[in-house]
Protein backbone atom coordinates (compact mmCIF):
# COMPACT_ATOMS: atom_id res chain seq x y z
CA UNK A 1 72.80 116.49 85.50
CA UNK A 2 69.26 116.47 86.52
CA UNK A 3 70.45 115.29 90.45
CA UNK A 4 72.37 118.31 90.59
CA UNK A 5 69.75 120.71 89.36
CA UNK A 6 67.39 119.33 91.87
CA UNK A 7 70.06 119.42 94.81
CA UNK A 8 70.75 123.03 93.91
CA UNK A 9 67.28 124.04 93.78
CA UNK A 10 66.29 122.51 97.07
CA UNK A 11 69.37 124.23 98.64
CA UNK A 12 68.49 127.80 96.97
CA UNK A 13 64.90 127.28 98.40
CA UNK A 14 66.33 126.57 102.08
CA UNK A 15 69.15 129.12 101.59
CA UNK A 16 68.66 131.81 104.47
CA UNK A 17 71.95 133.68 104.14
CA UNK A 18 72.87 136.64 102.09
CA UNK A 19 72.93 136.04 98.26
CA UNK A 20 76.69 135.89 98.42
CA UNK A 21 76.61 133.09 101.09
CA UNK A 22 74.00 131.17 99.12
CA UNK A 23 76.28 131.46 95.84
CA UNK A 24 79.37 130.43 97.68
CA UNK A 25 77.42 127.32 99.09
CA UNK A 26 75.83 126.45 95.80
CA UNK A 27 79.07 126.51 94.02
CA UNK A 28 80.57 124.17 96.57
CA UNK A 29 77.72 121.95 96.47
CA UNK A 30 77.77 121.80 92.66
CA UNK A 31 81.53 120.81 92.71
CA UNK A 32 80.77 118.30 95.17
CA UNK A 33 77.79 116.62 93.40
CA UNK A 34 79.69 116.69 89.97
CA UNK A 35 82.32 114.86 91.64
CA UNK A 36 80.19 112.36 93.50
CA UNK A 37 78.46 111.52 90.08
CA UNK A 38 81.48 111.37 87.87
CA UNK A 39 80.89 108.15 85.77
CA UNK A 40 84.09 107.01 84.83
CA UNK A 41 86.15 107.98 88.08
CA UNK A 42 85.72 107.20 91.69
CA UNK A 43 86.16 110.28 93.60
CA UNK A 44 86.95 110.07 97.24
CA UNK A 45 87.98 112.83 99.68
CA UNK A 46 91.42 113.27 99.11
CA UNK A 47 91.49 115.57 96.07
CA UNK A 48 92.21 112.71 93.56
CA UNK A 49 90.10 110.42 91.49
CA UNK A 50 90.42 106.90 90.44
CA UNK A 51 89.91 104.39 87.89
CA UNK A 52 90.92 100.94 86.68
CA UNK A 53 92.82 100.21 83.13
CA UNK A 54 92.32 97.22 81.39
CA UNK A 55 94.45 94.19 82.45
CA UNK A 56 97.95 94.98 81.27
CA UNK A 57 101.71 94.61 82.43
CA UNK A 58 102.82 97.25 84.76
CA UNK A 59 104.53 99.45 81.93
CA UNK A 60 101.52 99.18 79.68
CA UNK A 61 99.26 100.10 82.81
CA UNK A 62 100.98 103.21 83.63
CA UNK A 63 101.14 104.23 79.76
CA UNK A 64 97.32 103.92 79.85
CA UNK A 65 96.96 106.15 83.26
CA UNK A 66 99.32 108.75 81.51
CA UNK A 67 96.98 108.67 78.59
CA UNK A 68 94.08 109.34 80.74
CA UNK A 69 96.08 112.38 81.94
CA UNK A 70 97.06 110.89 85.30
CA UNK A 71 99.61 108.17 86.24
CA UNK A 72 99.59 104.85 88.60
CA UNK A 73 98.27 105.56 91.93
CA UNK A 74 100.85 107.10 94.46
CA UNK A 75 98.96 109.48 96.70
CA UNK A 76 95.96 107.30 97.46
CA UNK A 77 98.03 104.07 97.50
CA UNK A 78 100.39 105.62 100.41
CA UNK A 79 97.65 106.68 102.68
CA UNK A 80 96.32 103.31 104.22
CA UNK A 81 92.63 104.71 104.85
CA UNK A 82 92.29 106.36 101.33
CA UNK A 83 93.79 103.15 99.77
CA UNK A 84 91.09 100.84 101.65
CA UNK A 85 88.41 102.84 100.44
CA UNK A 86 89.53 102.94 97.07
CA UNK A 87 90.13 99.25 96.83
CA UNK A 88 86.67 98.49 98.52
CA UNK A 89 84.92 101.09 96.25
CA UNK A 90 86.72 99.57 92.90
CA UNK A 91 85.75 95.93 93.65
CA UNK A 92 88.78 94.91 95.70
CA UNK A 93 90.92 94.35 92.71
CA UNK A 94 94.42 93.10 92.64
CA UNK A 95 95.83 96.40 90.62
CA UNK A 96 99.47 98.04 89.91
CA UNK A 97 100.25 100.97 91.87
CA UNK A 98 103.03 103.60 91.25
CA UNK A 99 105.61 101.74 93.42
CA UNK A 100 108.61 99.34 92.59
CA UNK A 101 112.05 98.40 93.25
CA UNK A 102 113.25 98.60 89.70
CA UNK A 103 116.43 100.86 90.13
CA UNK A 104 117.90 98.70 93.00
CA UNK A 105 116.74 95.61 94.40
CA UNK A 106 114.91 96.08 97.95
CA UNK A 107 114.55 99.99 97.92
CA UNK A 108 111.11 100.74 96.88
CA UNK A 109 110.35 104.00 95.33
CA UNK A 110 107.18 106.05 94.42
CA UNK A 111 106.96 107.05 90.86
CA UNK A 112 106.11 110.69 91.92
CA UNK A 113 109.52 111.04 93.68
CA UNK A 114 108.30 110.53 97.36
CA UNK A 115 110.76 108.25 99.17
CA UNK A 116 109.30 104.79 100.42
CA UNK A 117 109.90 104.81 103.99
CA UNK A 118 110.52 101.33 105.74
CA UNK A 119 107.16 101.33 107.53
CA UNK A 120 105.12 100.67 104.38
CA UNK A 121 101.82 98.78 104.87
CA UNK A 122 102.79 95.41 103.15
CA UNK A 123 100.40 92.54 102.79
CA UNK A 124 101.41 89.39 104.81
CA UNK A 125 104.56 87.90 103.65
CA UNK A 126 105.62 90.63 101.58
CA UNK A 127 107.41 91.96 99.81
CA UNK A 128 108.81 88.40 98.97
CA UNK A 129 110.47 89.12 95.75
CA UNK A 130 109.54 85.62 94.81
CA UNK A 131 111.78 84.15 92.12
CA UNK A 132 109.51 81.27 91.16
CA UNK A 133 110.35 78.97 88.51
CA UNK A 134 107.32 79.01 86.34
CA UNK A 135 107.07 75.61 84.23
CA UNK A 136 104.17 74.43 82.49
CA UNK A 137 104.65 70.92 82.45
CA UNK A 138 102.75 68.47 80.56
CA UNK A 139 103.02 64.57 79.67
CA UNK A 140 104.31 63.68 76.20
CA UNK A 141 101.97 60.67 75.90
CA UNK A 142 99.01 62.71 76.09
CA UNK A 143 100.02 65.33 73.69
CA UNK A 144 101.51 67.99 76.12
CA UNK A 145 104.93 69.65 75.84
CA UNK A 146 107.30 71.56 77.98
CA UNK A 147 107.40 75.45 78.17
CA UNK A 148 109.99 77.80 78.70
CA UNK A 149 111.24 78.53 82.32
CA UNK A 150 110.76 82.17 83.59
CA UNK A 151 113.15 83.25 86.25
CA UNK A 152 112.86 86.86 87.51
CA UNK A 153 112.38 89.11 90.59
CA UNK A 154 109.30 90.99 91.58
CA UNK A 155 109.93 94.58 91.35
CA UNK A 156 106.66 96.24 90.58
CA UNK A 157 103.95 97.01 93.34
CA UNK A 158 100.46 96.39 93.45
CA UNK A 159 97.53 95.97 95.66
CA UNK A 160 96.62 92.75 97.04
CA UNK A 161 94.01 92.25 99.63
CA UNK A 162 94.14 96.22 100.02
CA UNK A 163 97.95 96.20 100.89
CA UNK A 164 101.12 96.48 99.16
CA UNK A 165 102.75 93.55 97.23
CA UNK A 166 105.47 93.15 94.75
CA UNK A 167 104.70 91.21 91.81
CA UNK A 168 106.12 90.27 88.51
CA UNK A 169 106.22 93.60 86.15
CA UNK A 170 105.23 91.54 83.15
CA UNK A 171 102.12 89.89 85.00
CA UNK A 172 98.92 91.19 83.51
CA UNK A 173 96.63 93.27 86.20
CA UNK A 174 94.56 96.35 86.02
CA UNK A 175 96.37 99.65 86.82
CA UNK A 176 95.00 101.87 89.41
CA UNK A 177 95.11 105.17 87.85
CA UNK A 178 95.01 108.32 89.87
CA UNK A 179 94.69 111.79 88.68
CA UNK A 180 94.21 115.24 90.58
CA UNK A 181 90.69 116.45 90.77
CA UNK A 182 90.22 119.81 88.73
């Protein structure tokens, strides 16, 4: 708050326009400064703000974003430039985004209803829809046992190395929340 007041004071001191011009400029400056010092959300240039949830599966991460008044990222995730800035600023996370092919395998859709085109910015070798056999095999003679086998499709979208990737919806990653700036 002090930073905002100092910036506004300096601006007023240097404002040489009419009082109306100065008032408009101060109001604009105040909004920009407040957005840039928002402690919980990262606010880039695109009219939205972003933060990461606690690690969870895709559905739980989406619910947490909705509880915060937003949803998993769509607008910032579609724009490769914005996505790269958000990804770098938030620490290069692997994070859930609002993108999936749950309805029909191979037909990706955004949760905000925007159709996904074929020219998506996929990470190398993605989408791979890996149907990996996950087995925790341990030897009996040293006290280990076998685990259940999990088969499934990778249907939920995430950011991996700043690009789009598909992943098992039950896996645990933070969600990238997106919320319109007021």
